[in-house]
Protein backbone atom coordinates (compact mmCIF):
# COMPACT_ATOMS: atom_id res chain seq x y z
CA MET A 1 14.52 20.19 1.56
CA CYS A 2 12.13 19.15 -0.46
CA VAL A 3 9.93 18.29 2.90
CA ALA A 4 10.19 21.92 4.31
CA ARG A 5 9.45 23.26 0.47
CA ASN A 6 6.44 20.98 0.24
CA VAL A 7 5.03 21.82 3.70
CA VAL A 8 5.78 25.84 3.06
CA ILE A 9 4.03 25.40 -0.25
CA LYS A 10 0.98 22.96 1.10
CA PRO A 11 0.91 23.52 4.88
CA THR A 12 -1.23 20.74 4.92
CA LEU A 13 -0.43 18.34 7.45
CA VAL A 14 -1.71 14.27 7.97
CA CYS A 15 -1.37 11.62 10.71
CA GLY A 16 1.59 9.41 10.70
CA GLY A 17 1.98 6.15 11.95
CA GLY A 18 0.41 4.40 9.27
CA ALA A 19 -2.82 6.05 10.44
CA ILE A 20 -3.74 7.62 6.74
CA GLU A 21 -2.94 4.46 5.44
CA MET A 22 -4.69 2.17 7.77
CA ALA A 23 -7.73 5.12 6.59
CA ILE A 24 -7.55 4.58 3.13
CA SER A 25 -7.05 0.83 3.31
CA HIS A 26 -10.28 0.52 5.31
CA ALA A 27 -12.38 2.89 2.59
CA LEU A 28 -11.29 0.92 -0.37
CA MET A 29 -12.13 -2.48 1.64
CA GLU A 30 -15.47 -1.44 2.36
CA LYS A 31 -15.35 -0.09 -1.31
CA SER A 32 -14.90 -3.38 -2.15
CA LYS A 33 -17.79 -4.85 -0.74
CA SER A 34 -20.21 -2.94 -2.77
CA ILE A 35 -19.14 -3.75 -5.94
CA GLU A 36 -19.53 -7.59 -7.48
CA GLY A 37 -17.41 -9.91 -9.35
CA VAL A 38 -13.27 -9.82 -9.89
CA VAL A 39 -13.70 -5.75 -10.02
CA GLN A 40 -13.50 -5.58 -6.85
CA GLN A 41 -9.78 -7.55 -6.57
CA PRO A 42 -7.90 -3.95 -7.35
CA TYR A 43 -9.56 -2.54 -4.24
CA GLN A 44 -8.53 -5.19 -2.07
CA ALA A 45 -5.07 -5.59 -2.79
CA VAL A 46 -4.50 -2.27 -2.82
CA ALA A 47 -6.45 -2.16 0.20
CA GLN A 48 -3.95 -5.13 1.52
CA ALA A 49 -0.53 -3.35 0.12
CA LEU A 50 -1.46 0.23 1.83
CA GLU A 51 -1.63 -2.05 5.30
CA VAL A 52 2.14 -2.64 4.91
CA ILE A 53 2.92 0.61 6.50
CA PRO A 54 1.97 0.16 10.00
CA ARG A 55 2.93 -3.46 9.60
CA THR A 56 6.30 -2.62 9.32
CA LEU A 57 6.16 -0.17 11.77
CA VAL A 58 4.81 -2.97 14.25
CA GLU A 59 7.57 -5.56 13.09
CA ASN A 60 10.38 -2.54 13.60
CA CYS A 61 9.56 -1.95 17.34
CA GLY A 62 9.34 -5.80 18.36
CA ALA A 63 5.79 -5.95 19.06
CA SER A 64 3.29 -8.26 18.25
CA VAL A 65 2.01 -8.01 14.47
CA VAL A 66 -1.07 -9.78 14.81
CA ARG A 67 -2.32 -7.94 17.89
CA VAL A 68 -1.36 -4.87 16.93
CA MET A 69 -2.67 -4.81 13.57
CA THR A 70 -5.80 -6.38 14.72
CA ALA A 71 -6.17 -3.82 17.77
CA LEU A 72 -5.39 -0.89 14.50
CA ARG A 73 -8.26 -2.61 12.43
CA ALA A 74 -10.81 -2.26 15.24
CA LYS A 75 -10.12 1.34 15.95
CA HIS A 76 -10.07 2.05 12.36
CA ALA A 77 -13.68 -0.29 11.89
CA ASN A 78 -16.50 2.39 12.08
CA GLY A 79 -14.33 4.76 10.20
CA GLU A 80 -14.18 7.37 13.02
CA ASN A 81 -11.27 6.81 14.59
CA THR A 82 -9.14 7.97 11.31
CA THR A 83 -6.19 9.26 13.36
CA PHE A 84 -4.92 6.06 15.01
CA GLY A 85 -1.51 4.79 14.05
CA VAL A 86 1.02 2.81 15.33
CA ASP A 87 3.85 4.64 18.01
CA GLY A 88 6.61 3.30 16.56
CA MET A 89 9.18 3.55 19.86
CA LYS A 90 6.26 1.59 21.77
CA GLY A 91 4.37 -0.70 19.41
CA GLU A 92 1.44 0.32 20.61
CA VAL A 93 -2.16 1.65 18.59
CA VAL A 94 -2.62 5.12 19.91
CA ASP A 95 -4.46 8.85 18.76
CA MET A 96 -1.83 10.02 16.04
CA LYS A 97 -3.03 14.14 16.96
CA THR A 98 -2.22 13.09 20.77
CA LEU A 99 1.15 11.84 20.26
CA GLY A 100 1.57 14.80 17.85
CA LEU A 101 2.87 12.93 14.95
CA PHE A 102 2.37 14.32 11.50
CA GLU A 103 3.55 14.43 7.80
CA PRO A 104 3.00 16.32 4.91
CA LEU A 105 -0.25 15.76 2.73
CA GLU A 106 1.94 16.19 0.01
CA VAL A 107 4.58 13.43 0.52
CA LYS A 108 1.72 10.86 1.52
CA THR A 109 0.03 11.74 -2.29
CA GLN A 110 3.09 11.87 -3.89
CA THR A 111 4.30 8.13 -2.10
CA ILE A 112 0.86 6.75 -2.86
CA LYS A 113 0.87 7.98 -6.58
CA THR A 114 4.78 6.52 -7.23
CA SER A 115 3.36 3.23 -5.97
CA VAL A 116 -0.03 3.05 -8.00
CA GLU A 117 2.30 4.17 -11.01
CA ALA A 118 5.02 1.38 -10.41
CA ALA A 119 2.55 -1.44 -9.85
CA ALA A 120 0.73 -0.02 -13.36
CA MET A 121 4.04 0.08 -14.96
CA LEU A 122 4.47 -4.02 -13.53
CA LEU A 123 1.37 -5.18 -14.82
CA ARG A 124 2.47 -3.36 -18.63
CA ILE A 125 5.70 -5.55 -18.47
CA ASP A 126 3.66 -8.56 -17.74
CA ASP A 127 1.26 -7.90 -20.68
CA VAL A 128 4.49 -7.52 -22.84
CA VAL A 129 6.16 -10.28 -21.90
CA SER A 130 2.80 -12.51 -21.95
CA GLY A 131 2.13 -11.52 -24.95
CA ILE A 132 5.05 -11.90 -26.86
CA THR A 133 5.17 -15.74 -25.38
CA ARG A 134 1.59 -16.15 -26.71
CA LYS A 135 2.46 -15.66 -30.35
CA GLN A 136 5.11 -17.97 -30.14
CA ASP A 137 3.36 -21.54 -30.84
CA PRO A 138 3.58 -23.44 -27.71
CA ALA A 139 3.41 -27.02 -29.59
CA SER A 140 6.91 -26.17 -31.53
CA GLY A 141 8.79 -26.60 -28.19
CA PRO A 142 12.45 -25.06 -28.20
CA VAL A 143 14.40 -25.21 -31.43
CA GLN A 144 17.44 -27.40 -31.38
CA HIS A 145 20.65 -26.59 -34.02
CA ASP A 146 22.72 -29.26 -35.06
CA ASP A 147 26.44 -28.26 -35.05
CA ASP A 148 28.27 -30.37 -37.75
CA ASP A 149 31.04 -28.28 -38.69
C-alpha cells in the first residue's frame, strides 16, 4: 500500500532491472577517475556496492554472471544506454523501457538513502570500537586474576 501511496504522491518512475543502479555506479566510477588519492575510494566502493543489485538478478535467474555483467557494463560505458538492465526471467541485458519494467523513484531513493545510512552507522560503530581499543595500553596485555580462596 505504501508503494501505491508513493506513486500517487510522487508519480515518477525509473527503469528497473538494475538499470538505475548501473547508471549510478557508472557515474560514480567516472567521478572517481577525476579525483586523486584515497578520496576516490569511497566513490569506487559505493559504485561496486550498487552493482550487487543487477548481479543478484543475474545469479537468481541462473545466467552467466561474468558474461551478463560485462555486457551490462559495456551498455552503460558510454553513458547513453542508461535504461538497459537485466531481464530477471531470461538473464539477458535488455532495454527496460522496451520491456516495460519500471519502479517508483521514491522507493529507489529511499533504498539508497537507507543503505548509505546503514554503512555510515557501521563506520561510526567501528570508530567507537577502535577508539576503545586504542585507549587500552597494548603492552599490558590481559589481566590475570588469582583466586586464592
